[in-house]
Amino acid sequence: IPDEIPQIKIGKPSITLMELSELLIKEGFVPSKSELIRLVNQSGVQLNEEKISTTDIELKSGDNLRIGKKKFVQIVE
């Protein structure tokens, strides 16, 4: 995990990964929702260093998301 992680503000205490997908696309972390779904299905997305297998997972402020091998983002309220 890098020392400096980009942050995405969600404006509420928690959010699902699919709800967050619009912000991830806007900020350039993933090119599309279908690409995000593909990465999740192929175990390419980690939440707090644990692989996730569904896009319905709940993210909360302070969580770290790793997308692929090199993209990291921290969720903040």
N, C-alpha and C. Protein backbone atom coordinates (compact mmCIF):
# COMPACT_ATOMS: atom_id res chain seq x y z
N ILE A 1 0.86 -1.18 0.00
CA ILE A 1 0.00 0.00 0.00
C ILE A 1 0.89 1.23 0.00
N PRO A 2 0.65 2.17 -0.92
CA PRO A 2 1.47 3.38 -0.96
C PRO A 2 1.19 4.29 0.25
N ASP A 3 2.16 5.17 0.53
CA ASP A 3 2.00 6.11 1.64
C ASP A 3 0.89 7.13 1.37
N GLU A 4 0.82 7.60 0.14
CA GLU A 4 -0.18 8.60 -0.26
C GLU A 4 -1.25 7.90 -1.10
N ILE A 5 -2.48 7.88 -0.60
CA ILE A 5 -3.58 7.24 -1.33
C ILE A 5 -4.60 8.32 -1.71
N PRO A 6 -5.02 8.37 -2.99
CA PRO A 6 -6.06 9.32 -3.38
C PRO A 6 -7.36 9.01 -2.63
N GLN A 7 -8.14 10.04 -2.37
CA GLN A 7 -9.38 9.87 -1.63
C GLN A 7 -10.59 10.21 -2.50
N ILE A 8 -11.69 9.51 -2.23
CA ILE A 8 -12.97 9.83 -2.86
C ILE A 8 -13.95 10.14 -1.74
N LYS A 9 -14.59 11.31 -1.80
CA LYS A 9 -15.57 11.71 -0.80
C LYS A 9 -16.94 11.20 -1.23
N ILE A 10 -17.61 10.48 -0.32
CA ILE A 10 -18.91 9.90 -0.65
C ILE A 10 -20.08 10.71 -0.08
N GLY A 11 -19.82 11.57 0.90
CA GLY A 11 -20.86 12.45 1.43
C GLY A 11 -21.88 11.78 2.33
N LYS A 12 -21.69 10.51 2.67
CA LYS A 12 -22.57 9.80 3.59
C LYS A 12 -21.77 8.70 4.28
N PRO A 13 -22.30 8.10 5.35
CA PRO A 13 -21.52 7.13 6.12
C PRO A 13 -21.11 5.87 5.36
N SER A 14 -21.98 5.38 4.45
CA SER A 14 -21.63 4.16 3.71
C SER A 14 -22.23 4.20 2.32
N ILE A 15 -21.69 3.32 1.44
CA ILE A 15 -22.10 3.29 0.04
C ILE A 15 -21.76 1.91 -0.51
N THR A 16 -22.55 1.41 -1.46
CA THR A 16 -22.20 0.13 -2.08
C THR A 16 -21.18 0.39 -3.20
N LEU A 17 -20.50 -0.66 -3.60
CA LEU A 17 -19.50 -0.53 -4.66
C LEU A 17 -20.14 -0.07 -5.96
N MET A 18 -21.34 -0.54 -6.29
CA MET A 18 -22.01 -0.11 -7.53
C MET A 18 -22.39 1.36 -7.47
N GLU A 19 -22.81 1.84 -6.30
CA GLU A 19 -23.10 3.27 -6.15
C GLU A 19 -21.83 4.09 -6.31
N LEU A 20 -20.73 3.56 -5.83
CA LEU A 20 -19.44 4.24 -5.91
C LEU A 20 -18.87 4.21 -7.33
N SER A 21 -19.34 3.30 -8.16
CA SER A 21 -18.77 3.12 -9.50
C SER A 21 -18.78 4.40 -10.33
N GLU A 22 -19.82 5.22 -10.21
CA GLU A 22 -19.88 6.48 -10.96
C GLU A 22 -18.71 7.39 -10.59
N LEU A 23 -18.41 7.48 -9.30
CA LEU A 23 -17.28 8.31 -8.86
C LEU A 23 -15.95 7.72 -9.30
N LEU A 24 -15.85 6.39 -9.27
CA LEU A 24 -14.61 5.73 -9.71
C LEU A 24 -14.36 5.98 -11.20
N ILE A 25 -15.42 5.98 -11.99
CA ILE A 25 -15.30 6.26 -13.44
C ILE A 25 -14.91 7.72 -13.64
N LYS A 26 -15.60 8.62 -12.94
CA LYS A 26 -15.34 10.07 -13.07
C LYS A 26 -13.90 10.42 -12.70
N GLU A 27 -13.36 9.76 -11.66
CA GLU A 27 -12.00 10.04 -11.21
C GLU A 27 -10.93 9.25 -11.97
N GLY A 28 -11.34 8.36 -12.87
CA GLY A 28 -10.39 7.64 -13.72
C GLY A 28 -9.81 6.36 -13.14
N PHE A 29 -10.43 5.82 -12.09
CA PHE A 29 -9.93 4.57 -11.51
C PHE A 29 -10.34 3.37 -12.35
N VAL A 30 -11.51 3.43 -12.98
CA VAL A 30 -11.97 2.38 -13.90
C VAL A 30 -12.62 3.05 -15.11
N PRO A 31 -12.52 2.43 -16.30
CA PRO A 31 -13.10 3.06 -17.48
C PRO A 31 -14.63 2.92 -17.59
N SER A 32 -15.20 1.86 -16.96
CA SER A 32 -16.64 1.63 -17.08
C SER A 32 -17.13 0.72 -15.96
N LYS A 33 -18.48 0.68 -15.80
CA LYS A 33 -19.06 -0.22 -14.80
C LYS A 33 -18.79 -1.67 -15.17
N SER A 34 -18.86 -1.99 -16.44
CA SER A 34 -18.64 -3.38 -16.86
C SER A 34 -17.20 -3.82 -16.56
N GLU A 35 -16.25 -2.92 -16.69
CA GLU A 35 -14.86 -3.24 -16.35
C GLU A 35 -14.72 -3.47 -14.85
N LEU A 36 -15.40 -2.68 -14.04
CA LEU A 36 -15.37 -2.86 -12.60
C LEU A 36 -15.96 -4.22 -12.23
N ILE A 37 -17.08 -4.57 -12.83
CA ILE A 37 -17.72 -5.86 -12.57
C ILE A 37 -16.78 -7.00 -12.98
N ARG A 38 -16.12 -6.87 -14.13
CA ARG A 38 -15.18 -7.89 -14.58
C ARG A 38 -14.04 -8.07 -13.58
N LEU A 39 -13.49 -6.95 -13.11
CA LEU A 39 -12.40 -7.01 -12.13
C LEU A 39 -12.85 -7.68 -10.83
N VAL A 40 -14.06 -7.37 -10.37
CA VAL A 40 -14.57 -8.00 -9.15
C VAL A 40 -14.73 -9.50 -9.37
N ASN A 41 -15.29 -9.90 -10.50
CA ASN A 41 -15.50 -11.32 -10.80
C ASN A 41 -14.18 -12.09 -10.92
N GLN A 42 -13.11 -11.41 -11.30
CA GLN A 42 -11.81 -12.06 -11.46
C GLN A 42 -10.89 -11.83 -10.25
N SER A 43 -11.48 -11.44 -9.13
CA SER A 43 -10.75 -11.20 -7.87
C SER A 43 -9.69 -10.12 -8.00
N GLY A 44 -9.96 -9.10 -8.81
CA GLY A 44 -9.01 -8.02 -9.01
C GLY A 44 -9.29 -6.79 -8.18
N VAL A 45 -10.26 -6.88 -7.26
CA VAL A 45 -10.60 -5.74 -6.39
C VAL A 45 -10.51 -6.22 -4.94
N GLN A 46 -9.84 -5.40 -4.12
CA GLN A 46 -9.69 -5.74 -2.71
C GLN A 46 -10.20 -4.60 -1.84
N LEU A 47 -10.87 -4.96 -0.77
CA LEU A 47 -11.34 -4.01 0.22
C LEU A 47 -10.57 -4.27 1.51
N ASN A 48 -9.77 -3.30 1.95
CA ASN A 48 -8.94 -3.46 3.15
C ASN A 48 -8.11 -4.75 3.08
N GLU A 49 -7.50 -4.98 1.92
CA GLU A 49 -6.61 -6.11 1.65
C GLU A 49 -7.30 -7.48 1.64
N GLU A 50 -8.64 -7.49 1.52
CA GLU A 50 -9.41 -8.73 1.39
C GLU A 50 -10.08 -8.72 0.02
N LYS A 51 -9.92 -9.80 -0.74
CA LYS A 51 -10.56 -9.88 -2.05
C LYS A 51 -12.06 -9.90 -1.89
N ILE A 52 -12.75 -9.17 -2.79
CA ILE A 52 -14.21 -9.15 -2.75
C ILE A 52 -14.74 -9.86 -3.98
N SER A 53 -15.96 -10.41 -3.85
CA SER A 53 -16.53 -11.18 -4.95
C SER A 53 -17.90 -10.68 -5.38
N THR A 54 -18.34 -9.55 -4.84
CA THR A 54 -19.64 -9.00 -5.21
C THR A 54 -19.58 -7.47 -5.24
N THR A 55 -20.39 -6.88 -6.12
CA THR A 55 -20.44 -5.42 -6.20
C THR A 55 -21.43 -4.84 -5.20
N ASP A 56 -22.16 -5.69 -4.48
CA ASP A 56 -23.13 -5.22 -3.48
C ASP A 56 -22.50 -4.99 -2.12
N ILE A 57 -21.19 -5.11 -2.02
CA ILE A 57 -20.49 -4.95 -0.74
C ILE A 57 -20.60 -3.50 -0.27
N GLU A 58 -20.75 -3.34 1.03
CA GLU A 58 -20.91 -2.02 1.65
C GLU A 58 -19.54 -1.43 1.99
N LEU A 59 -19.29 -0.23 1.52
CA LEU A 59 -18.05 0.49 1.83
C LEU A 59 -18.37 1.61 2.81
N LYS A 60 -17.46 1.86 3.74
CA LYS A 60 -17.68 2.95 4.69
C LYS A 60 -16.46 3.85 4.76
N SER A 61 -16.63 4.98 5.37
CA SER A 61 -15.54 5.94 5.49
C SER A 61 -14.34 5.30 6.17
N GLY A 62 -13.16 5.51 5.59
CA GLY A 62 -11.93 4.95 6.13
C GLY A 62 -11.49 3.67 5.44
N ASP A 63 -12.36 3.06 4.63
CA ASP A 63 -12.00 1.84 3.90
C ASP A 63 -11.02 2.15 2.78
N ASN A 64 -10.13 1.20 2.51
CA ASN A 64 -9.18 1.31 1.40
C ASN A 64 -9.57 0.30 0.32
N LEU A 65 -9.65 0.77 -0.90
CA LEU A 65 -10.03 -0.05 -2.03
C LEU A 65 -8.84 -0.15 -2.98
N ARG A 66 -8.52 -1.38 -3.39
CA ARG A 66 -7.46 -1.59 -4.36
C ARG A 66 -8.10 -2.14 -5.62
N ILE A 67 -7.88 -1.45 -6.73
CA ILE A 67 -8.46 -1.84 -8.01
C ILE A 67 -7.33 -2.26 -8.92
N GLY A 68 -7.30 -3.53 -9.27
CA GLY A 68 -6.20 -4.05 -10.07
C GLY A 68 -4.95 -4.13 -9.23
N LYS A 69 -3.80 -3.99 -9.88
CA LYS A 69 -2.53 -4.12 -9.16
C LYS A 69 -2.02 -2.80 -8.59
N LYS A 70 -2.34 -1.68 -9.25
CA LYS A 70 -1.66 -0.43 -8.91
C LYS A 70 -2.56 0.72 -8.51
N LYS A 71 -3.87 0.56 -8.55
CA LYS A 71 -4.76 1.68 -8.23
C LYS A 71 -5.33 1.51 -6.83
N PHE A 72 -5.10 2.52 -6.01
CA PHE A 72 -5.59 2.52 -4.64
C PHE A 72 -6.45 3.76 -4.44
N VAL A 73 -7.50 3.62 -3.63
CA VAL A 73 -8.34 4.76 -3.29
C VAL A 73 -8.88 4.57 -1.86
N GLN A 74 -8.93 5.67 -1.11
CA GLN A 74 -9.49 5.63 0.23
C GLN A 74 -10.85 6.30 0.22
N ILE A 75 -11.80 5.69 0.88
CA ILE A 75 -13.16 6.23 0.96
C ILE A 75 -13.24 7.16 2.18
N VAL A 76 -13.73 8.37 1.98
CA VAL A 76 -13.92 9.31 3.08
C VAL A 76 -15.33 9.89 2.99
N GLU A 77 -15.89 10.23 4.17
CA GLU A 77 -17.26 10.75 4.21
C GLU A 77 -17.35 12.18 3.76
